[in-house]
Amino acid sequence: MSFLSPYDYTLLEKVIKLKEYDKEKIDLEDYFGNNNPVVVEIGCGNGHFLIEKAKQEGSKNFLGIDLKKNRITRCREKEEKYGLTNIRWIIGDAFPLFDKYLYDKQISSIYMFFPDPWPKKRHHKRRLFQKEFLTVLNRILANDGIFYFVTDHKDYYEWCKEITSENEYFIFKELESENEEYIVSVFGQRWKREGREFYPFLLKKK
């Protein structure tokens, strides 16, 4: 028996849905109503991490993107519960959002926690972290912008490290594996309970 409330899809009326978006670019200043720094989470899930960030840092804007509308509906529920005005959501895929819809140097930082590692070799092409991804990341991040990544899959970590070593845009820096911020998300909590090791790093522009 589930005790979750049914999904209220009317909460998605003001959410940008990339598949239905008919403009050339997304004006984030218009979307938020100000020009504060914008922080993005790729694969925001039900919004646990980003909601906490938005509550703690009112001088920044927070943008969550996820493929599943059910998850974004739960995000909107939390947003309304806490009366947050500095957070927005997008339903869609991160790569086309970054590649096509965002302006240059528009994002101050990006978080990507526990993405699907696609562990089988024949599926590695489905991983978001690729050479092409670093190219668009470089374009949309501000000059002092930072990309944060955490995985529980060592092979994916090594994959990211190797790809970064071959790029001209970013410096790869390992982070401490023990950080409470990593386990705010549902997957972070789950993997922590299972005793999995985390492999975090950040990318900083050269």
N, C-alpha and C. Protein backbone atom coordinates (compact mmCIF):
# COMPACT_ATOMS: atom_id res chain seq x y z
N MET A 1 0.85 -1.19 0.00
CA MET A 1 0.00 0.00 0.00
C MET A 1 0.89 1.25 0.00
N SER A 2 0.58 2.20 -0.88
CA SER A 2 1.36 3.43 -0.97
C SER A 2 0.65 4.55 -0.23
N PHE A 3 1.42 5.33 0.51
CA PHE A 3 0.87 6.46 1.25
C PHE A 3 1.19 7.78 0.55
N LEU A 4 1.77 7.71 -0.67
CA LEU A 4 2.08 8.91 -1.42
C LEU A 4 0.80 9.48 -2.02
N SER A 5 0.71 10.79 -2.04
CA SER A 5 -0.44 11.44 -2.64
C SER A 5 -0.37 11.28 -4.16
N PRO A 6 -1.52 11.31 -4.83
CA PRO A 6 -1.50 11.22 -6.29
C PRO A 6 -0.79 12.43 -6.90
N TYR A 7 -0.29 12.25 -8.10
CA TYR A 7 0.42 13.34 -8.77
C TYR A 7 -0.55 14.43 -9.21
N ASP A 8 -0.23 15.65 -8.86
CA ASP A 8 -1.02 16.80 -9.29
C ASP A 8 -0.31 17.48 -10.46
N TYR A 9 -0.70 17.10 -11.67
CA TYR A 9 0.01 17.59 -12.85
C TYR A 9 -0.28 19.05 -13.16
N THR A 10 -1.24 19.65 -12.47
CA THR A 10 -1.44 21.08 -12.66
C THR A 10 -0.24 21.87 -12.15
N LEU A 11 0.57 21.24 -11.29
CA LEU A 11 1.79 21.89 -10.78
C LEU A 11 2.83 22.08 -11.88
N LEU A 12 2.64 21.39 -13.01
CA LEU A 12 3.61 21.46 -14.10
C LEU A 12 3.27 22.53 -15.13
N GLU A 13 2.21 23.28 -14.92
CA GLU A 13 1.76 24.23 -15.93
C GLU A 13 2.82 25.29 -16.24
N LYS A 14 3.56 25.73 -15.23
CA LYS A 14 4.57 26.76 -15.44
C LYS A 14 5.99 26.20 -15.58
N VAL A 15 6.08 24.87 -15.66
CA VAL A 15 7.38 24.21 -15.82
C VAL A 15 7.73 24.12 -17.30
N ILE A 16 8.96 24.40 -17.65
CA ILE A 16 9.40 24.28 -19.04
C ILE A 16 9.56 22.82 -19.40
N LYS A 17 8.93 22.43 -20.50
CA LYS A 17 9.04 21.07 -21.02
C LYS A 17 9.76 21.16 -22.36
N LEU A 18 10.98 20.65 -22.41
CA LEU A 18 11.82 20.85 -23.59
C LEU A 18 11.18 20.34 -24.87
N LYS A 19 10.48 19.23 -24.81
CA LYS A 19 9.89 18.67 -26.02
C LYS A 19 8.79 19.56 -26.59
N GLU A 20 8.24 20.43 -25.75
CA GLU A 20 7.18 21.33 -26.20
C GLU A 20 7.68 22.77 -26.36
N TYR A 21 8.93 23.02 -26.04
CA TYR A 21 9.45 24.38 -26.03
C TYR A 21 9.70 24.84 -27.47
N ASP A 22 9.14 25.99 -27.83
CA ASP A 22 9.19 26.44 -29.22
C ASP A 22 10.00 27.71 -29.45
N LYS A 23 10.79 28.11 -28.43
CA LYS A 23 11.63 29.29 -28.60
C LYS A 23 13.08 28.86 -28.82
N GLU A 24 13.85 29.78 -29.37
CA GLU A 24 15.24 29.46 -29.70
C GLU A 24 16.09 29.28 -28.45
N LYS A 25 15.91 30.15 -27.46
CA LYS A 25 16.68 30.09 -26.23
C LYS A 25 15.76 30.24 -25.02
N ILE A 26 16.25 29.78 -23.86
CA ILE A 26 15.53 29.98 -22.60
C ILE A 26 16.16 31.18 -21.89
N ASP A 27 15.36 32.19 -21.66
CA ASP A 27 15.83 33.38 -20.95
C ASP A 27 15.69 33.13 -19.45
N LEU A 28 16.77 32.71 -18.82
CA LEU A 28 16.71 32.37 -17.39
C LEU A 28 16.44 33.60 -16.52
N GLU A 29 16.89 34.75 -16.96
CA GLU A 29 16.60 35.96 -16.20
C GLU A 29 15.09 36.22 -16.16
N ASP A 30 14.43 35.96 -17.27
CA ASP A 30 12.98 36.10 -17.33
C ASP A 30 12.29 34.99 -16.53
N TYR A 31 12.81 33.77 -16.63
CA TYR A 31 12.21 32.62 -15.95
C TYR A 31 12.24 32.81 -14.42
N PHE A 32 13.34 33.40 -13.92
CA PHE A 32 13.47 33.60 -12.47
C PHE A 32 12.99 34.98 -12.02
N GLY A 33 12.96 35.92 -12.95
CA GLY A 33 12.56 37.28 -12.59
C GLY A 33 13.68 38.10 -11.99
N ASN A 34 14.92 37.65 -12.13
CA ASN A 34 16.09 38.39 -11.65
C ASN A 34 17.33 37.86 -12.35
N ASN A 35 18.47 38.49 -12.08
CA ASN A 35 19.72 38.05 -12.71
C ASN A 35 20.71 37.47 -11.70
N ASN A 36 20.20 36.86 -10.65
CA ASN A 36 21.07 36.22 -9.66
C ASN A 36 21.80 35.03 -10.27
N PRO A 37 22.93 34.63 -9.69
CA PRO A 37 23.65 33.45 -10.19
C PRO A 37 22.75 32.22 -10.23
N VAL A 38 22.93 31.40 -11.27
CA VAL A 38 22.08 30.22 -11.46
C VAL A 38 22.88 28.94 -11.20
N VAL A 39 22.33 28.09 -10.33
CA VAL A 39 22.91 26.79 -10.00
C VAL A 39 22.00 25.71 -10.57
N VAL A 40 22.59 24.73 -11.26
CA VAL A 40 21.81 23.68 -11.94
C VAL A 40 22.11 22.33 -11.31
N GLU A 41 21.06 21.51 -11.17
CA GLU A 41 21.27 20.10 -10.83
C GLU A 41 20.74 19.24 -11.97
N ILE A 42 21.61 18.39 -12.51
CA ILE A 42 21.22 17.44 -13.56
C ILE A 42 20.68 16.19 -12.89
N GLY A 43 19.48 15.77 -13.28
CA GLY A 43 18.86 14.61 -12.66
C GLY A 43 18.46 14.92 -11.23
N CYS A 44 17.59 15.91 -11.07
CA CYS A 44 17.26 16.41 -9.73
C CYS A 44 16.34 15.48 -8.95
N GLY A 45 15.82 14.44 -9.59
CA GLY A 45 14.97 13.49 -8.89
C GLY A 45 13.75 14.15 -8.27
N ASN A 46 13.49 13.86 -7.00
CA ASN A 46 12.36 14.46 -6.30
C ASN A 46 12.71 15.77 -5.60
N GLY A 47 13.92 16.27 -5.88
CA GLY A 47 14.28 17.61 -5.44
C GLY A 47 14.89 17.75 -4.07
N HIS A 48 15.25 16.65 -3.42
CA HIS A 48 15.75 16.73 -2.04
C HIS A 48 16.98 17.65 -1.92
N PHE A 49 17.96 17.44 -2.78
CA PHE A 49 19.20 18.21 -2.70
C PHE A 49 18.97 19.67 -3.06
N LEU A 50 18.31 19.91 -4.19
CA LEU A 50 18.18 21.27 -4.69
C LEU A 50 17.26 22.12 -3.80
N ILE A 51 16.24 21.52 -3.25
CA ILE A 51 15.36 22.24 -2.33
C ILE A 51 16.15 22.74 -1.12
N GLU A 52 17.01 21.88 -0.57
CA GLU A 52 17.81 22.27 0.59
C GLU A 52 18.76 23.41 0.23
N LYS A 53 19.37 23.33 -0.96
CA LYS A 53 20.26 24.40 -1.40
C LYS A 53 19.51 25.72 -1.54
N ALA A 54 18.32 25.65 -2.12
CA ALA A 54 17.52 26.86 -2.34
C ALA A 54 17.10 27.48 -1.01
N LYS A 55 16.82 26.65 -0.02
CA LYS A 55 16.44 27.15 1.30
C LYS A 55 17.62 27.85 1.98
N GLN A 56 18.81 27.33 1.76
CA GLN A 56 20.00 27.84 2.45
C GLN A 56 20.61 29.06 1.76
N GLU A 57 20.43 29.18 0.45
CA GLU A 57 21.12 30.23 -0.31
C GLU A 57 20.11 31.05 -1.11
N GLY A 58 19.46 31.96 -0.43
CA GLY A 58 18.40 32.74 -1.05
C GLY A 58 18.85 33.74 -2.09
N SER A 59 20.15 34.04 -2.13
CA SER A 59 20.66 35.01 -3.10
C SER A 59 21.00 34.37 -4.44
N LYS A 60 20.77 33.05 -4.56
CA LYS A 60 21.04 32.35 -5.81
C LYS A 60 19.74 31.76 -6.38
N ASN A 61 19.76 31.53 -7.68
CA ASN A 61 18.66 30.83 -8.34
C ASN A 61 19.05 29.37 -8.54
N PHE A 62 18.08 28.47 -8.44
CA PHE A 62 18.34 27.04 -8.57
C PHE A 62 17.43 26.45 -9.63
N LEU A 63 18.04 25.68 -10.53
CA LEU A 63 17.32 25.10 -11.66
C LEU A 63 17.53 23.59 -11.67
N GLY A 64 16.45 22.84 -11.55
CA GLY A 64 16.53 21.38 -11.59
C GLY A 64 16.00 20.85 -12.90
N ILE A 65 16.71 19.87 -13.46
CA ILE A 65 16.25 19.23 -14.69
C ILE A 65 16.19 17.72 -14.49
N ASP A 66 15.11 17.14 -14.96
CA ASP A 66 14.93 15.69 -14.88
C ASP A 66 14.04 15.24 -16.04
N LEU A 67 14.21 13.99 -16.44
CA LEU A 67 13.44 13.46 -17.57
C LEU A 67 12.00 13.12 -17.21
N LYS A 68 11.73 12.86 -15.93
CA LYS A 68 10.43 12.31 -15.54
C LYS A 68 9.53 13.37 -14.91
N LYS A 69 8.34 13.51 -15.48
CA LYS A 69 7.42 14.53 -14.98
C LYS A 69 6.91 14.21 -13.58
N ASN A 70 6.82 12.93 -13.23
CA ASN A 70 6.38 12.58 -11.88
C ASN A 70 7.35 13.13 -10.83
N ARG A 71 8.63 13.03 -11.13
CA ARG A 71 9.64 13.55 -10.20
C ARG A 71 9.53 15.07 -10.07
N ILE A 72 9.37 15.74 -11.18
CA ILE A 72 9.27 17.20 -11.13
C ILE A 72 8.01 17.63 -10.40
N THR A 73 6.95 16.84 -10.50
CA THR A 73 5.75 17.14 -9.73
C THR A 73 6.04 17.12 -8.24
N ARG A 74 6.80 16.12 -7.78
CA ARG A 74 7.19 16.05 -6.37
C ARG A 74 8.09 17.24 -5.99
N CYS A 75 8.95 17.64 -6.91
CA CYS A 75 9.79 18.82 -6.68
C CYS A 75 8.94 20.06 -6.46
N ARG A 76 7.93 20.22 -7.30
CA ARG A 76 7.04 21.38 -7.18
C ARG A 76 6.27 21.36 -5.86
N GLU A 77 5.90 20.17 -5.41
CA GLU A 77 5.21 20.07 -4.12
C GLU A 77 6.10 20.60 -3.00
N LYS A 78 7.37 20.21 -3.02
CA LYS A 78 8.30 20.67 -1.98
C LYS A 78 8.54 22.17 -2.10
N GLU A 79 8.66 22.65 -3.33
CA GLU A 79 8.85 24.09 -3.55
C GLU A 79 7.71 24.89 -2.92
N GLU A 80 6.48 24.45 -3.15
CA GLU A 80 5.32 25.15 -2.60
C GLU A 80 5.23 24.99 -1.09
N LYS A 81 5.58 23.83 -0.60
CA LYS A 81 5.55 23.59 0.85
C LYS A 81 6.42 24.59 1.60
N TYR A 82 7.60 24.88 1.05
CA TYR A 82 8.54 25.78 1.72
C TYR A 82 8.44 27.22 1.23
N GLY A 83 7.54 27.48 0.30
CA GLY A 83 7.35 28.84 -0.18
C GLY A 83 8.57 29.42 -0.87
N LEU A 84 9.28 28.59 -1.61
CA LEU A 84 10.51 29.03 -2.27
C LEU A 84 10.20 29.82 -3.54
N THR A 85 10.94 30.88 -3.74
CA THR A 85 10.77 31.70 -4.95
C THR A 85 12.00 31.70 -5.84
N ASN A 86 13.04 31.03 -5.41
CA ASN A 86 14.32 31.05 -6.14
C ASN A 86 14.65 29.72 -6.80
N ILE A 87 13.61 28.95 -7.15
CA ILE A 87 13.86 27.64 -7.74
C ILE A 87 12.89 27.39 -8.88
N ARG A 88 13.39 26.78 -9.97
CA ARG A 88 12.59 26.49 -11.15
C ARG A 88 12.97 25.09 -11.65
N TRP A 89 12.15 24.57 -12.58
CA TRP A 89 12.32 23.18 -13.02
C TRP A 89 12.17 23.06 -14.53
N ILE A 90 12.86 22.08 -15.10
CA ILE A 90 12.74 21.77 -16.52
C ILE A 90 12.60 20.26 -16.68
N ILE A 91 11.64 19.85 -17.51
CA ILE A 91 11.48 18.43 -17.83
C ILE A 91 12.17 18.19 -19.17
N GLY A 92 13.17 17.34 -19.16
CA GLY A 92 13.88 17.06 -20.40
C GLY A 92 15.28 16.52 -20.15
N ASP A 93 16.03 16.46 -21.22
CA ASP A 93 17.39 15.91 -21.20
C ASP A 93 18.39 17.05 -21.05
N ALA A 94 19.40 16.85 -20.22
CA ALA A 94 20.37 17.91 -19.93
C ALA A 94 21.20 18.30 -21.15
N PHE A 95 21.60 17.35 -21.98
CA PHE A 95 22.50 17.71 -23.07
C PHE A 95 21.86 18.68 -24.06
N PRO A 96 20.66 18.42 -24.57
CA PRO A 96 20.07 19.42 -25.47
C PRO A 96 19.78 20.75 -24.78
N LEU A 97 19.45 20.69 -23.48
CA LEU A 97 19.26 21.95 -22.75
C LEU A 97 20.52 22.78 -22.80
N PHE A 98 21.65 22.16 -22.47
CA PHE A 98 22.92 22.88 -22.45
C PHE A 98 23.38 23.26 -23.86
N ASP A 99 23.21 22.37 -24.78
CA ASP A 99 23.74 22.55 -26.13
C ASP A 99 22.96 23.57 -26.95
N LYS A 100 21.65 23.59 -26.76
CA LYS A 100 20.80 24.37 -27.65
C LYS A 100 20.13 25.57 -26.99
N TYR A 101 19.71 25.43 -25.74
CA TYR A 101 18.78 26.40 -25.17
C TYR A 101 19.36 27.43 -24.21
N LEU A 102 20.59 27.21 -23.73
CA LEU A 102 21.16 28.15 -22.77
C LEU A 102 22.17 29.08 -23.44
N TYR A 103 22.23 30.30 -22.93
CA TYR A 103 23.19 31.28 -23.44
C TYR A 103 24.59 31.00 -22.87
N ASP A 104 25.59 31.60 -23.50
CA ASP A 104 26.97 31.43 -23.05
C ASP A 104 27.18 31.98 -21.64
N LYS A 105 27.97 31.26 -20.86
CA LYS A 105 28.42 31.68 -19.54
C LYS A 105 27.26 32.09 -18.63
N GLN A 106 26.17 31.37 -18.73
CA GLN A 106 24.95 31.72 -18.00
C GLN A 106 24.83 31.01 -16.64
N ILE A 107 25.63 29.96 -16.41
CA ILE A 107 25.48 29.12 -15.23
C ILE A 107 26.69 29.26 -14.32
N SER A 108 26.43 29.41 -13.01
CA SER A 108 27.54 29.58 -12.06
C SER A 108 28.10 28.25 -11.57
N SER A 109 27.24 27.25 -11.40
CA SER A 109 27.71 25.92 -11.00
C SER A 109 26.68 24.87 -11.37
N ILE A 110 27.17 23.64 -11.53
CA ILE A 110 26.32 22.52 -11.93
C ILE A 110 26.65 21.32 -11.05
N TYR A 111 25.61 20.63 -10.58
CA TYR A 111 25.76 19.42 -9.77
C TYR A 111 25.18 18.23 -10.53
N MET A 112 25.89 17.12 -10.45
CA MET A 112 25.41 15.87 -11.06
C MET A 112 25.76 14.74 -10.11
N PHE A 113 24.75 14.26 -9.39
CA PHE A 113 24.96 13.25 -8.36
C PHE A 113 24.38 11.90 -8.78
N PHE A 114 25.20 10.89 -8.72
CA PHE A 114 24.80 9.49 -8.93
C PHE A 114 24.00 9.25 -10.22
N PRO A 115 24.56 9.67 -11.36
CA PRO A 115 23.87 9.37 -12.62
C PRO A 115 23.95 7.89 -12.95
N ASP A 116 23.09 7.45 -13.85
CA ASP A 116 23.14 6.06 -14.32
C ASP A 116 24.52 5.81 -14.92
N PRO A 117 25.29 4.85 -14.40
CA PRO A 117 26.65 4.63 -14.91
C PRO A 117 26.71 3.85 -16.23
N TRP A 118 25.59 3.28 -16.65
CA TRP A 118 25.59 2.44 -17.86
C TRP A 118 26.83 1.55 -17.86
N PRO A 119 26.89 0.58 -16.96
CA PRO A 119 28.13 -0.18 -16.72
C PRO A 119 28.59 -1.07 -17.87
N LYS A 120 27.67 -1.56 -18.71
CA LYS A 120 28.09 -2.42 -19.80
C LYS A 120 28.79 -1.60 -20.89
N LYS A 121 29.87 -2.14 -21.42
CA LYS A 121 30.70 -1.40 -22.37
C LYS A 121 29.90 -0.93 -23.58
N ARG A 122 28.98 -1.76 -24.05
CA ARG A 122 28.22 -1.39 -25.24
C ARG A 122 27.24 -0.23 -24.98
N HIS A 123 27.05 0.07 -23.68
CA HIS A 123 26.16 1.17 -23.32
C HIS A 123 26.90 2.45 -22.92
N HIS A 124 28.22 2.44 -22.96
CA HIS A 124 28.99 3.60 -22.52
C HIS A 124 28.64 4.86 -23.33
N LYS A 125 28.22 4.68 -24.56
CA LYS A 125 27.86 5.83 -25.39
C LYS A 125 26.63 6.57 -24.85
N ARG A 126 25.89 5.92 -23.94
CA ARG A 126 24.71 6.55 -23.35
C ARG A 126 25.06 7.43 -22.16
N ARG A 127 26.27 7.33 -21.67
CA ARG A 127 26.69 8.17 -20.55
C ARG A 127 26.68 9.64 -20.97
N LEU A 128 26.18 10.49 -20.09
CA LEU A 128 26.14 11.92 -20.40
C LEU A 128 27.54 12.50 -20.48
N PHE A 129 28.42 12.04 -19.62
CA PHE A 129 29.77 12.60 -19.56
C PHE A 129 30.58 12.08 -20.75
N GLN A 130 30.74 12.93 -21.77
CA GLN A 130 31.49 12.62 -22.99
C GLN A 130 32.29 13.85 -23.36
N LYS A 131 33.14 13.76 -24.38
CA LYS A 131 33.91 14.91 -24.84
C LYS A 131 32.99 16.04 -25.28
N GLU A 132 31.90 15.69 -25.95
CA GLU A 132 30.96 16.71 -26.42
C GLU A 132 30.29 17.42 -25.26
N PHE A 133 30.07 16.69 -24.19
CA PHE A 133 29.45 17.29 -23.01
C PHE A 133 30.37 18.34 -22.41
N LEU A 134 31.67 18.08 -22.36
CA LEU A 134 32.61 19.06 -21.82
C LEU A 134 32.64 20.32 -22.67
N THR A 135 32.46 20.17 -23.96
CA THR A 135 32.44 21.33 -24.85
C THR A 135 31.28 22.26 -24.52
N VAL A 136 30.08 21.69 -24.37
CA VAL A 136 28.92 22.54 -24.07
C VAL A 136 29.00 23.05 -22.63
N LEU A 137 29.58 22.25 -21.74
CA LEU A 137 29.75 22.67 -20.36
C LEU A 137 30.63 23.92 -20.30
N ASN A 138 31.69 23.91 -21.06
CA ASN A 138 32.58 25.06 -21.12
C ASN A 138 31.87 26.30 -21.62
N ARG A 139 30.98 26.13 -22.56
CA ARG A 139 30.26 27.27 -23.14
C ARG A 139 29.29 27.91 -22.15
N ILE A 140 28.54 27.10 -21.41
CA ILE A 140 27.48 27.67 -20.57
C ILE A 140 27.96 28.08 -19.18
N LEU A 141 29.09 27.52 -18.71
CA LEU A 141 29.59 27.88 -17.38
C LEU A 141 30.27 29.24 -17.40
N ALA A 142 30.04 30.03 -16.36
CA ALA A 142 30.77 31.29 -16.20
C ALA A 142 32.26 30.99 -16.07
N ASN A 143 33.07 32.02 -16.23
CA ASN A 143 34.52 31.82 -16.20
C ASN A 143 35.00 31.20 -14.89
N ASP A 144 34.31 31.52 -13.80
CA ASP A 144 34.66 30.93 -12.50
C ASP A 144 33.70 29.80 -12.13
N GLY A 145 32.96 29.30 -13.11
CA GLY A 145 31.98 28.26 -12.85
C GLY A 145 32.61 26.91 -12.53
N ILE A 146 31.87 26.09 -11.78
CA ILE A 146 32.38 24.78 -11.35
C ILE A 146 31.33 23.70 -11.59
N PHE A 147 31.79 22.55 -12.02
CA PHE A 147 30.94 21.38 -12.22
C PHE A 147 31.28 20.35 -11.16
N TYR A 148 30.27 19.90 -10.39
CA TYR A 148 30.47 18.90 -9.33
C TYR A 148 29.84 17.58 -9.76
N PHE A 149 30.56 16.49 -9.51
CA PHE A 149 30.09 15.17 -9.94
C PHE A 149 30.38 14.16 -8.84
N VAL A 150 29.40 13.30 -8.55
CA VAL A 150 29.60 12.21 -7.59
C VAL A 150 29.00 10.94 -8.17
N THR A 151 29.74 9.84 -8.08
CA THR A 151 29.24 8.53 -8.49
C THR A 151 29.66 7.49 -7.47
N ASP A 152 28.92 6.40 -7.44
CA ASP A 152 29.32 5.27 -6.60
C ASP A 152 29.94 4.18 -7.47
N HIS A 153 30.17 4.49 -8.74
CA HIS A 153 30.66 3.52 -9.73
C HIS A 153 32.08 3.91 -10.14
N LYS A 154 33.07 3.14 -9.67
CA LYS A 154 34.47 3.51 -9.89
C LYS A 154 34.83 3.59 -11.37
N ASP A 155 34.29 2.69 -12.18
CA ASP A 155 34.60 2.70 -13.61
C ASP A 155 34.13 3.99 -14.26
N TYR A 156 32.96 4.49 -13.86
CA TYR A 156 32.46 5.74 -14.42
C TYR A 156 33.35 6.91 -14.00
N TYR A 157 33.80 6.86 -12.75
CA TYR A 157 34.73 7.88 -12.25
C TYR A 157 36.00 7.91 -13.08
N GLU A 158 36.57 6.73 -13.33
CA GLU A 158 37.80 6.65 -14.12
C GLU A 158 37.56 7.11 -15.55
N TRP A 159 36.40 6.78 -16.07
CA TRP A 159 36.00 7.22 -17.41
C TRP A 159 36.01 8.76 -17.49
N CYS A 160 35.39 9.40 -16.50
CA CYS A 160 35.33 10.86 -16.47
C CYS A 160 36.72 11.47 -16.33
N LYS A 161 37.54 10.85 -15.51
CA LYS A 161 38.89 11.36 -15.28
C LYS A 161 39.71 11.29 -16.57
N GLU A 162 39.58 10.19 -17.30
CA GLU A 162 40.33 10.04 -18.55
C GLU A 162 39.86 11.04 -19.61
N ILE A 163 38.57 11.19 -19.75
CA ILE A 163 38.04 12.14 -20.73
C ILE A 163 38.49 13.56 -20.41
N THR A 164 38.46 13.92 -19.12
CA THR A 164 38.88 15.26 -18.73
C THR A 164 40.36 15.49 -19.01
N SER A 165 41.17 14.45 -18.85
CA SER A 165 42.61 14.59 -19.09
C SER A 165 42.92 14.92 -20.53
N GLU A 166 41.98 14.61 -21.44
CA GLU A 166 42.20 14.84 -22.87
C GLU A 166 41.57 16.14 -23.36
N ASN A 167 40.95 16.91 -22.43
CA ASN A 167 40.24 18.12 -22.87
C ASN A 167 41.05 19.37 -22.60
N GLU A 168 40.70 20.45 -23.26
CA GLU A 168 41.44 21.70 -23.17
C GLU A 168 40.78 22.73 -22.26
N TYR A 169 39.63 22.39 -21.67
CA TYR A 169 38.84 23.39 -20.97
C TYR A 169 38.94 23.33 -19.45
N PHE A 170 39.05 22.11 -18.88
CA PHE A 170 38.85 21.94 -17.45
C PHE A 170 40.02 21.26 -16.75
N ILE A 171 40.15 21.60 -15.46
CA ILE A 171 41.07 20.92 -14.55
C ILE A 171 40.24 19.98 -13.68
N PHE A 172 40.70 18.74 -13.54
CA PHE A 172 40.03 17.71 -12.75
C PHE A 172 40.59 17.73 -11.34
N LYS A 173 39.72 17.83 -10.34
CA LYS A 173 40.17 17.86 -8.95
C LYS A 173 39.34 16.89 -8.12
N GLU A 174 40.02 15.93 -7.48
CA GLU A 174 39.33 14.98 -6.60
C GLU A 174 38.81 15.70 -5.36
N LEU A 175 37.70 15.18 -4.82
CA LEU A 175 37.11 15.73 -3.60
C LEU A 175 37.08 14.67 -2.51
N GLU A 176 36.85 15.11 -1.29
CA GLU A 176 36.71 14.18 -0.17
C GLU A 176 35.48 13.31 -0.38
N SER A 177 35.63 12.02 -0.16
CA SER A 177 34.52 11.10 -0.38
C SER A 177 33.45 11.21 0.69
N GLU A 178 33.82 11.73 1.87
CA GLU A 178 32.86 11.87 2.96
C GLU A 178 32.38 13.31 3.02
N ASN A 179 31.16 13.53 2.57
CA ASN A 179 30.57 14.87 2.58
C ASN A 179 29.06 14.71 2.71
N GLU A 180 28.48 15.32 3.73
CA GLU A 180 27.05 15.16 3.97
C GLU A 180 26.21 15.65 2.79
N GLU A 181 26.75 16.58 2.02
CA GLU A 181 26.00 17.13 0.90
C GLU A 181 25.69 16.06 -0.14
N TYR A 182 26.57 15.08 -0.28
CA TYR A 182 26.39 14.04 -1.29
C TYR A 182 25.21 13.13 -0.99
N ILE A 183 24.84 13.01 0.28
CA ILE A 183 23.84 12.01 0.63
C ILE A 183 22.46 12.61 0.92
N VAL A 184 22.26 13.86 0.52
CA VAL A 184 20.94 14.46 0.67
C VAL A 184 19.95 13.82 -0.29
N SER A 185 20.42 13.45 -1.47
CA SER A 185 19.55 12.87 -2.48
C SER A 185 19.10 11.46 -2.06
N VAL A 186 18.03 10.98 -2.69
CA VAL A 186 17.51 9.65 -2.39
C VAL A 186 18.57 8.59 -2.65
N PHE A 187 19.23 8.67 -3.82
CA PHE A 187 20.25 7.67 -4.14
C PHE A 187 21.44 7.78 -3.21
N GLY A 188 21.83 9.00 -2.85
CA GLY A 188 22.93 9.18 -1.92
C GLY A 188 22.65 8.52 -0.59
N GLN A 189 21.43 8.68 -0.07
CA GLN A 189 21.05 8.05 1.18
C GLN A 189 21.06 6.52 1.06
N ARG A 190 20.52 6.04 -0.05
CA ARG A 190 20.42 4.59 -0.26
C ARG A 190 21.80 3.96 -0.36
N TRP A 191 22.65 4.55 -1.18
CA TRP A 191 23.99 3.96 -1.38
C TRP A 191 24.83 4.08 -0.11
N LYS A 192 24.61 5.12 0.67
CA LYS A 192 25.34 5.27 1.93
C LYS A 192 24.94 4.15 2.90
N ARG A 193 23.64 3.86 2.96
CA ARG A 193 23.17 2.77 3.84
C ARG A 193 23.76 1.43 3.42
N GLU A 194 23.97 1.27 2.12
CA GLU A 194 24.53 0.02 1.61
C GLU A 194 26.05 -0.04 1.74
N GLY A 195 26.64 1.03 2.22
CA GLY A 195 28.08 1.05 2.44
C GLY A 195 28.90 1.23 1.18
N ARG A 196 28.30 1.77 0.15
CA ARG A 196 29.06 1.96 -1.09
C ARG A 196 30.04 3.11 -0.95
N GLU A 197 31.13 3.02 -1.70
CA GLU A 197 32.12 4.08 -1.70
C GLU A 197 31.74 5.12 -2.74
N PHE A 198 31.96 6.39 -2.40
CA PHE A 198 31.64 7.48 -3.32
C PHE A 198 32.92 7.99 -3.98
N TYR A 199 32.78 8.44 -5.24
CA TYR A 199 33.90 8.97 -6.01
C TYR A 199 33.51 10.35 -6.54
N PRO A 200 33.79 11.39 -5.75
CA PRO A 200 33.44 12.74 -6.15
C PRO A 200 34.61 13.50 -6.77
N PHE A 201 34.29 14.42 -7.66
CA PHE A 201 35.30 15.33 -8.21
C PHE A 201 34.64 16.61 -8.66
N LEU A 202 35.45 17.59 -8.95
CA LEU A 202 34.94 18.81 -9.56
C LEU A 202 35.78 19.16 -10.78
N LEU A 203 35.18 19.91 -11.67
CA LEU A 203 35.88 20.45 -12.84
C LEU A 203 35.89 21.96 -12.73
N LYS A 204 37.06 22.53 -12.87
CA LYS A 204 37.22 23.98 -12.82
C LYS A 204 37.86 24.44 -14.12
N LYS A 205 37.38 25.54 -14.64
CA LYS A 205 37.92 26.04 -15.91
C LYS A 205 39.39 26.40 -15.80
N LYS A 206 40.12 26.10 -16.86
CA LYS A 206 41.55 26.44 -16.87
C LYS A 206 41.75 27.94 -17.04
